[in-house]
Amino acid sequence: MNQDLAVVEADVTIEFFHEETGNLIGPYVKNQKNGKYSAILAPGKYSVEVIGVDGFKEYQKVLEILGKNDCQL
């Protein structure tokens, strides 16, 4: 099975680091009832890191959260 498409049952931690300060925002763990993650983040750029999954490659990405004044219709 393609590991990128596999359902992961392991406990996974997602960490957000503020790009400007390097401060850790989180960590976040999954909701045990539904297996989903949720995070509330202020506008800004964050480095997202997924850790704790043996057999899968590490995942890291920069995510930008826009403020309501940054959105265009």
C-alpha atoms as a PDB file:
ATOM      1  CA  MET A   1       0.000   0.000   0.000  1.00  0.00           C
ATOM      2  CA  ASN A   2       1.199   3.511  -0.754  1.00  0.00           C
ATOM      3  CA  GLN A   3       2.223   4.956   2.638  1.00  0.00           C
ATOM      4  CA  ASP A   4       1.138   8.455   1.617  1.00  0.00           C
ATOM      5  CA  LEU A   5      -2.440   7.213   1.191  1.00  0.00           C
ATOM      6  CA  ALA A   6      -2.553   4.823   4.163  1.00  0.00           C
ATOM      7  CA  VAL A   7      -4.806   5.482   7.130  1.00  0.00           C
ATOM      8  CA  VAL A   8      -2.633   6.037  10.192  1.00  0.00           C
ATOM      9  CA  GLU A   9      -3.988   4.661  13.443  1.00  0.00           C
ATOM     10  CA  ALA A  10      -0.915   5.627  15.504  1.00  0.00           C
ATOM     11  CA  ASP A  11      -0.829   8.543  17.902  1.00  0.00           C
ATOM     12  CA  VAL A  12       0.546  11.418  15.876  1.00  0.00           C
ATOM     13  CA  THR A  13       1.493  14.846  17.176  1.00  0.00           C
ATOM     14  CA  ILE A  14       1.284  17.966  15.032  1.00  0.00           C
ATOM     15  CA  GLU A  15       3.388  20.934  16.079  1.00  0.00           C
ATOM     16  CA  PHE A  16       3.126  24.495  14.780  1.00  0.00           C
ATOM     17  CA  PHE A  17       6.089  26.845  15.131  1.00  0.00           C
ATOM     18  CA  HIS A  18       5.639  30.571  14.512  1.00  0.00           C
ATOM     19  CA  GLU A  19       8.004  31.420  11.634  1.00  0.00           C
ATOM     20  CA  GLU A  20       9.033  34.870  12.962  1.00  0.00           C
ATOM     21  CA  THR A  21       9.621  33.942  16.615  1.00  0.00           C
ATOM     22  CA  GLY A  22      10.272  30.202  16.457  1.00  0.00           C
ATOM     23  CA  ASN A  23       7.827  29.756  19.361  1.00  0.00           C
ATOM     24  CA  LEU A  24       6.002  26.440  19.582  1.00  0.00           C
ATOM     25  CA  ILE A  25       2.234  26.791  19.192  1.00  0.00           C
ATOM     26  CA  GLY A  26       0.686  23.513  20.271  1.00  0.00           C
ATOM     27  CA  PRO A  27       1.351  20.567  20.214  1.00  0.00           C
ATOM     28  CA  TYR A  28      -1.901  19.143  18.900  1.00  0.00           C
ATOM     29  CA  VAL A  29      -3.087  15.547  19.156  1.00  0.00           C
ATOM     30  CA  LYS A  30      -6.040  13.885  17.489  1.00  0.00           C
ATOM     31  CA  ASN A  31      -9.539  13.804  18.905  1.00  0.00           C
ATOM     32  CA  GLN A  32      -9.900  10.234  20.194  1.00  0.00           C
ATOM     33  CA  LYS A  33     -13.586  10.097  19.219  1.00  0.00           C
ATOM     34  CA  ASN A  34     -13.293  11.086  15.554  1.00  0.00           C
ATOM     35  CA  GLY A  35      -9.552  10.896  14.768  1.00  0.00           C
ATOM     36  CA  LYS A  36      -9.425  14.489  13.496  1.00  0.00           C
ATOM     37  CA  TYR A  37      -7.155  17.378  14.403  1.00  0.00           C
ATOM     38  CA  SER A  38      -8.099  20.989  14.925  1.00  0.00           C
ATOM     39  CA  ALA A  39      -6.044  24.065  15.737  1.00  0.00           C
ATOM     40  CA  ILE A  40      -6.858  27.715  16.215  1.00  0.00           C
ATOM     41  CA  LEU A  41      -4.063  29.916  14.902  1.00  0.00           C
ATOM     42  CA  ALA A  42      -3.713  33.674  14.636  1.00  0.00           C
ATOM     43  CA  PRO A  43      -2.848  35.109  11.201  1.00  0.00           C
ATOM     44  CA  GLY A  44       0.811  34.568  10.327  1.00  0.00           C
ATOM     45  CA  LYS A  45       3.273  32.029   8.941  1.00  0.00           C
ATOM     46  CA  TYR A  46       3.841  28.726  10.715  1.00  0.00           C
ATOM     47  CA  SER A  47       6.106  25.757  10.224  1.00  0.00           C
ATOM     48  CA  VAL A  48       3.990  22.599  10.557  1.00  0.00           C
ATOM     49  CA  GLU A  49       5.696  19.392  11.701  1.00  0.00           C
ATOM     50  CA  VAL A  50       4.091  15.954  11.952  1.00  0.00           C
ATOM     51  CA  ILE A  51       5.929  13.604  14.301  1.00  0.00           C
ATOM     52  CA  GLY A  52       5.463  10.186  15.837  1.00  0.00           C
ATOM     53  CA  VAL A  53       4.693   7.940  12.878  1.00  0.00           C
ATOM     54  CA  ASP A  54       7.154   5.059  12.531  1.00  0.00           C
ATOM     55  CA  GLY A  55       7.575   3.849   8.975  1.00  0.00           C
ATOM     56  CA  PHE A  56       6.492   7.144   7.410  1.00  0.00           C
ATOM     57  CA  LYS A  57       8.740   9.966   6.293  1.00  0.00           C
ATOM     58  CA  GLU A  58       8.713  13.175   8.295  1.00  0.00           C
ATOM     59  CA  TYR A  59       6.381  15.894   7.111  1.00  0.00           C
ATOM     60  CA  GLN A  60       7.167  19.581   7.392  1.00  0.00           C
ATOM     61  CA  LYS A  61       5.539  22.471   5.573  1.00  0.00           C
ATOM     62  CA  VAL A  62       5.170  26.232   5.915  1.00  0.00           C
ATOM     63  CA  LEU A  63       1.552  27.329   6.296  1.00  0.00           C
ATOM     64  CA  GLU A  64       0.300  30.899   6.025  1.00  0.00           C
ATOM     65  CA  ILE A  65      -2.908  31.849   7.832  1.00  0.00           C
ATOM     66  CA  LEU A  66      -4.459  34.990   6.359  1.00  0.00           C
ATOM     67  CA  GLY A  67      -6.333  37.571   8.402  1.00  0.00           C
ATOM     68  CA  LYS A  68      -9.805  38.706   7.424  1.00  0.00           C
ATOM     69  CA  ASN A  69      -8.364  41.891   5.884  1.00  0.00           C
ATOM     70  CA  ASP A  70      -6.008  39.830   3.676  1.00  0.00           C
ATOM     71  CA  CYS A  71      -8.805  37.956   1.888  1.00  0.00           C
ATOM     72  CA  GLN A  72     -10.075  39.172  -1.455  1.00  0.00           C
ATOM     73  CA  LEU A  73     -13.409  38.245  -2.979  1.00  0.00           C
END
